[in-house]
Amino acid sequence: MQTFFTDAQLAVPKLAEANQILRTCVHCGFCTATCPTYQVLGDEADSPRGRIYLIKDMLEKGRPADAHTVKHIDRCLSCLACTTTCPSGVDYMHLVDQARSYIEQTYRRPLGERLLRWLLARVIPNPTRFRLALFAARLARPIAGLLPDRRLRAMVAMAPARLPPVSRNDDPQVFPAHGPVRMRVALQTGCAQKALDTDINDATIRLLTRLGCEVVIPPRMGCCGALVHHMGREAEAKAFATANIRALMAVPKLEAVVNNTSGCGTTVKDYGHMLG
């Protein structure tokens, strides 16, 4: 893809990175075959290729994001299915992350959207608040149709009918290996998972200890930062990443970090780029 960034723009590291990513794209459209939003909506702007064009136009012109661009970038699920089919190896993940950060800085969302995004950023990364919100959603289900915002109605409808019991295995502690210790690992227990499905962490601990791993749940290790990162809240995402790195560095003789949530794992593996 041909780009037209000025020399002054290319002196900005993030724009230089975006330029390199954009120039990798050859417009082939293979990504549309695996993009779920394009398959459902059939709109070119809701495909990775379409979003790349929107991002290119926005960044090259240095203009504030408009509602049209924001709508189609917001619809991206960041599933990264497109990257598995791209023959050119376009780094779509970092390009769309940069677009979201740019949107957060230049676009003023309607009040309802700002309040909803603020609420999500404050509730979901905190397991206690998230459980309370899920409990409130259960109570609100009979009157969900009266809620003013369709997104709130949808979230209430998706809330589980029953909450899993709180697992004490998520508290900071050390689980000894069954038999000789083969490895000492840290398990990142996540945030939403602690509220939605506690069995996953419990099963992970049982499996690792049976395989001879000593499993550490580090103190002060929390949300990976994926939620706020995908909202374009770069400073908040970096704060989560920094806190987690410090928590891991405080664990002596650690040999590996285990993560059993795909979205969180992708974010944690990208900490180097995020903080670079």
Protein backbone atom coordinates (compact mmCIF):
# COMPACT_ATOMS: atom_id res chain seq x y z
CA MET A 1 0.00 0.00 0.00
CA GLN A 2 1.33 3.42 -0.95
CA THR A 3 1.45 5.94 1.89
CA PHE A 4 1.89 9.71 1.95
CA PHE A 5 3.12 10.59 5.41
CA THR A 6 5.29 13.71 5.58
CA ASP A 7 8.86 13.63 6.87
CA ALA A 8 7.66 15.43 9.99
CA GLN A 9 5.04 12.75 10.59
CA LEU A 10 7.55 9.95 10.07
CA ALA A 11 9.73 11.50 12.76
CA VAL A 12 7.01 10.46 15.23
CA PRO A 13 7.80 6.84 16.26
CA LYS A 14 4.18 5.66 16.35
CA LEU A 15 3.41 7.10 12.92
CA ALA A 16 6.61 5.60 11.54
CA GLU A 17 5.48 2.21 12.87
CA ALA A 18 2.01 2.69 11.36
CA ASN A 19 3.61 3.61 8.03
CA GLN A 20 5.64 0.39 7.97
CA ILE A 21 2.55 -1.70 8.76
CA LEU A 22 0.40 0.05 6.15
CA ARG A 23 3.01 -0.40 3.43
CA THR A 24 2.96 -4.16 4.06
CA CYS A 25 -0.69 -4.47 2.97
CA VAL A 26 -1.18 -5.46 -0.70
CA HIS A 27 -5.01 -5.11 -0.79
CA CYS A 28 -5.44 -8.84 -1.54
CA GLY A 29 -8.55 -9.21 0.61
CA PHE A 30 -7.70 -12.65 1.99
CA CYS A 31 -8.46 -11.21 5.44
CA THR A 32 -12.13 -10.77 4.56
CA ALA A 33 -12.61 -14.55 4.46
CA THR A 34 -11.85 -14.93 8.16
CA CYS A 35 -13.13 -11.62 9.57
CA PRO A 36 -16.33 -12.29 11.57
CA THR A 37 -17.67 -8.73 11.34
CA TYR A 38 -17.27 -8.68 7.56
CA GLN A 39 -18.89 -12.10 7.23
CA VAL A 40 -21.90 -10.96 9.28
CA LEU A 41 -22.27 -7.36 8.06
CA GLY A 42 -20.88 -7.59 4.53
CA ASP A 43 -19.54 -4.03 4.67
CA GLU A 44 -16.03 -3.42 3.33
CA ALA A 45 -15.48 -0.88 6.12
CA ASP A 46 -16.09 -3.70 8.61
CA SER A 47 -13.28 -5.80 7.15
CA PRO A 48 -9.60 -5.56 8.12
CA ARG A 49 -8.79 -4.17 4.67
CA GLY A 50 -11.49 -1.53 4.99
CA ARG A 51 -10.36 -0.56 8.46
CA ILE A 52 -6.77 -0.29 7.24
CA TYR A 53 -7.91 2.26 4.63
CA LEU A 54 -9.82 4.21 7.29
CA ILE A 55 -6.83 4.21 9.64
CA LYS A 56 -4.48 5.26 6.83
CA ASP A 57 -6.70 8.20 5.89
CA MET A 58 -7.11 9.30 9.51
CA LEU A 59 -3.43 9.12 10.43
CA GLU A 60 -2.06 10.56 7.18
CA LYS A 61 -4.31 13.60 7.32
CA GLY A 62 -3.71 14.03 11.05
CA ARG A 63 -7.37 14.85 11.49
CA PRO A 64 -9.52 14.03 14.51
CA ALA A 65 -11.38 10.76 14.17
CA ASP A 66 -14.93 11.07 12.86
CA ALA A 67 -18.02 9.08 13.82
CA HIS A 68 -17.86 6.92 10.67
CA THR A 69 -14.29 5.79 11.34
CA VAL A 70 -14.95 5.27 15.05
CA LYS A 71 -17.99 3.06 14.35
CA HIS A 72 -16.05 0.66 12.16
CA ILE A 73 -12.93 0.55 14.34
CA ASP A 74 -15.11 -0.08 17.40
CA ARG A 75 -16.70 -3.06 15.66
CA CYS A 76 -13.35 -4.83 15.33
CA LEU A 77 -13.25 -7.73 17.81
CA SER A 78 -9.43 -7.92 17.85
CA CYS A 79 -9.81 -11.67 17.34
CA LEU A 80 -6.83 -11.45 14.94
CA ALA A 81 -8.27 -14.15 12.68
CA CYS A 82 -7.22 -11.91 9.79
CA THR A 83 -3.56 -12.23 10.70
CA THR A 84 -3.70 -16.00 10.26
CA THR A 85 -4.66 -15.65 6.59
CA CYS A 86 -2.66 -12.57 5.60
CA PRO A 87 0.08 -13.67 3.16
CA SER A 88 1.97 -10.39 3.64
CA GLY A 89 2.14 -10.60 7.43
CA VAL A 90 0.42 -7.27 8.09
CA ASP A 91 0.75 -6.40 11.79
CA TYR A 92 -2.93 -5.55 12.06
CA MET A 93 -3.00 -5.91 15.86
CA HIS A 94 -0.63 -3.04 16.52
CA LEU A 95 -2.17 -0.89 13.79
CA VAL A 96 -5.70 -1.12 15.18
CA ASP A 97 -4.37 -0.62 18.72
CA GLN A 98 -2.72 2.59 17.57
CA ALA A 99 -5.96 3.68 15.88
CA ARG A 100 -7.91 3.13 19.09
CA SER A 101 -5.44 5.20 21.06
CA TYR A 102 -5.67 7.96 18.45
CA ILE A 103 -9.47 7.85 18.58
CA GLU A 104 -9.43 8.10 22.37
CA GLN A 105 -7.29 11.23 22.12
CA THR A 106 -9.10 13.00 19.27
CA TYR A 107 -12.76 11.93 19.32
CA ARG A 108 -15.35 13.04 21.86
CA ARG A 109 -17.93 10.31 22.21
CA PRO A 110 -21.57 10.96 23.12
CA LEU A 111 -22.20 11.20 26.85
CA GLY A 112 -23.90 7.80 27.06
CA GLU A 113 -20.93 6.07 25.41
CA ARG A 114 -18.46 7.85 27.68
CA LEU A 115 -20.38 6.79 30.78
CA LEU A 116 -20.70 3.18 29.59
CA ARG A 117 -17.00 2.90 28.74
CA TRP A 118 -16.05 4.47 32.07
CA LEU A 119 -18.28 1.97 33.87
CA LEU A 120 -16.81 -1.01 32.01
CA ALA A 121 -13.25 0.16 32.69
CA ARG A 122 -13.97 0.49 36.41
CA VAL A 123 -16.04 -2.66 36.92
CA ILE A 124 -14.73 -5.53 34.78
CA PRO A 125 -11.03 -5.39 35.82
CA ASN A 126 -12.11 -5.64 39.46
CA PRO A 127 -13.52 -9.13 40.25
CA THR A 128 -15.47 -7.96 43.32
CA ARG A 129 -17.16 -5.13 41.45
CA PHE A 130 -17.79 -7.41 38.48
CA ARG A 131 -19.52 -10.02 40.65
CA LEU A 132 -21.69 -7.30 42.18
CA ALA A 133 -22.56 -6.06 38.69
CA LEU A 134 -23.48 -9.59 37.57
CA PHE A 135 -25.67 -10.00 40.65
CA ALA A 136 -27.35 -6.66 39.91
CA ALA A 137 -27.91 -7.80 36.31
CA ARG A 138 -29.71 -10.91 37.58
CA LEU A 139 -32.03 -8.70 39.64
CA ALA A 140 -32.58 -6.36 36.69
CA ARG A 141 -33.43 -9.10 34.20
CA PRO A 142 -37.24 -8.91 34.73
CA ILE A 143 -37.19 -5.19 33.90
CA ALA A 144 -34.43 -5.29 31.27
CA GLY A 145 -36.84 -4.11 28.58
CA LEU A 146 -37.31 -0.83 30.45
CA LEU A 147 -33.62 0.08 30.42
CA PRO A 148 -32.96 3.13 28.22
CA ASP A 149 -29.83 1.86 26.43
CA ARG A 150 -29.95 -1.18 24.13
CA ARG A 151 -26.36 -2.07 25.07
CA LEU A 152 -27.30 -2.21 28.74
CA ARG A 153 -30.28 -4.40 27.85
CA ALA A 154 -27.98 -6.73 25.91
CA MET A 155 -25.50 -6.96 28.79
CA VAL A 156 -28.26 -7.76 31.26
CA ALA A 157 -29.55 -10.48 28.92
CA MET A 158 -26.06 -12.02 28.65
CA ALA A 159 -25.45 -12.12 32.41
CA PRO A 160 -25.34 -15.70 33.75
CA ALA A 161 -28.43 -16.92 35.57
CA ARG A 162 -26.24 -18.28 38.37
CA LEU A 163 -22.88 -17.05 39.61
CA PRO A 164 -20.15 -19.60 40.34
CA PRO A 165 -18.93 -19.76 43.93
CA VAL A 166 -15.94 -17.63 44.85
CA SER A 167 -12.74 -19.68 44.66
CA ARG A 168 -10.16 -19.20 47.38
CA ASN A 169 -7.59 -20.61 44.97
CA ASP A 170 -7.43 -17.17 43.36
CA ASP A 171 -6.00 -15.63 46.53
CA PRO A 172 -2.20 -15.07 46.69
CA GLN A 173 -0.62 -18.35 47.80
CA VAL A 174 1.65 -21.20 46.71
CA PHE A 175 0.35 -24.61 45.62
CA PRO A 176 2.97 -27.35 46.12
CA ALA A 177 3.74 -29.80 43.34
CA HIS A 178 2.63 -33.41 43.59
CA GLY A 179 5.94 -35.19 43.92
CA PRO A 180 9.31 -33.75 42.86
CA VAL A 181 9.22 -30.10 41.75
CA ARG A 182 9.95 -29.87 38.03
CA MET A 183 9.19 -26.19 37.58
CA ARG A 184 8.06 -23.09 39.52
CA VAL A 185 5.40 -21.12 37.66
CA ALA A 186 3.15 -18.14 38.28
CA LEU A 187 -0.51 -18.35 37.32
CA GLN A 188 -2.23 -15.17 36.25
CA THR A 189 -5.76 -15.72 37.50
CA GLY A 190 -7.23 -12.78 35.59
CA CYS A 191 -10.16 -10.57 36.51
CA ALA A 192 -13.36 -11.43 34.61
CA GLN A 193 -12.60 -15.14 34.85
CA LYS A 194 -12.61 -14.95 38.66
CA ALA A 195 -16.23 -13.84 38.46
CA LEU A 196 -17.52 -15.74 35.43
CA ASP A 197 -15.88 -19.18 35.60
CA THR A 198 -13.76 -19.99 38.63
CA ASP A 199 -13.50 -23.66 37.62
CA ILE A 200 -10.95 -22.82 34.91
CA ASN A 201 -8.32 -21.57 37.34
CA ASP A 202 -9.06 -24.41 39.76
CA ALA A 203 -8.58 -26.99 36.98
CA THR A 204 -5.39 -25.28 35.79
CA ILE A 205 -3.89 -25.45 39.28
CA ARG A 206 -4.79 -29.15 39.62
CA LEU A 207 -3.25 -29.96 36.25
CA LEU A 208 -0.04 -28.02 36.83
CA THR A 209 0.57 -29.45 40.30
CA ARG A 210 0.01 -33.01 39.02
CA LEU A 211 2.61 -32.34 36.35
CA GLY A 212 5.13 -31.39 39.01
CA CYS A 213 4.77 -27.61 38.93
CA GLU A 214 4.83 -25.46 42.02
CA VAL A 215 2.15 -22.87 41.28
CA VAL A 216 2.43 -19.35 42.67
CA ILE A 217 -0.47 -16.89 42.72
CA PRO A 218 1.50 -13.62 43.06
CA PRO A 219 0.27 -10.89 45.40
CA ARG A 220 -0.80 -7.64 43.74
CA MET A 221 -1.16 -9.23 40.31
CA GLY A 222 -4.41 -8.18 38.67
CA CYS A 223 -6.04 -7.40 35.35
CA CYS A 224 -3.72 -7.75 32.36
CA GLY A 225 -4.96 -4.42 30.96
CA ALA A 226 -6.54 -5.83 27.80
CA LEU A 227 -9.92 -4.17 28.37
CA VAL A 228 -8.63 -0.61 28.72
CA HIS A 229 -5.99 -1.27 26.05
CA HIS A 230 -8.70 -2.12 23.52
CA MET A 231 -10.53 1.04 24.56
CA GLY A 232 -7.49 3.09 23.58
CA ARG A 233 -6.73 4.04 27.19
CA GLU A 234 -3.02 3.66 26.78
CA ALA A 235 -1.92 5.12 30.12
CA GLU A 236 -4.25 2.83 32.09
CA ALA A 237 -3.13 -0.23 30.12
CA LYS A 238 0.52 0.58 30.78
CA ALA A 239 -0.24 1.00 34.49
CA PHE A 240 -1.76 -2.51 34.63
CA ALA A 241 1.19 -3.94 32.69
CA THR A 242 3.75 -2.27 34.94
CA ALA A 243 1.99 -3.45 38.11
CA ASN A 244 1.88 -7.04 36.85
CA ILE A 245 5.52 -7.05 35.82
CA ARG A 246 6.50 -5.80 39.27
CA ALA A 247 4.35 -8.47 40.89
CA LEU A 248 6.04 -11.18 38.81
CA MET A 249 9.52 -9.82 39.42
CA ALA A 250 8.88 -10.08 43.15
CA VAL A 251 8.43 -13.87 42.91
CA PRO A 252 11.79 -15.61 43.45
CA LYS A 253 13.02 -18.41 41.18
CA LEU A 254 10.11 -18.07 38.76
CA GLU A 255 10.56 -20.08 35.55
CA ALA A 256 7.37 -19.39 33.61
CA VAL A 257 4.13 -17.43 33.62
CA VAL A 258 0.97 -19.41 32.85
CA ASN A 259 -2.12 -17.75 31.43
CA ASN A 260 -5.26 -19.73 30.56
CA THR A 261 -7.23 -16.90 28.93
CA SER A 262 -6.44 -16.26 25.27
CA GLY A 263 -7.13 -12.52 25.27
CA CYS A 264 -5.13 -11.96 28.43
CA GLY A 265 -2.30 -14.13 27.17
CA THR A 266 -2.04 -12.13 23.94
CA THR A 267 -1.87 -8.89 25.92
CA VAL A 268 0.71 -10.14 28.41
CA LYS A 269 2.95 -11.41 25.60
CA ASP A 270 2.75 -7.94 24.08
CA TYR A 271 3.90 -6.10 27.23
CA GLY A 272 7.33 -5.57 25.66
CA HIS A 273 5.83 -3.70 22.73
CA MET A 274 3.31 -1.87 24.90
CA LEU A 275 5.96 -0.51 27.24
CA GLY A 276 8.65 -0.07 24.58
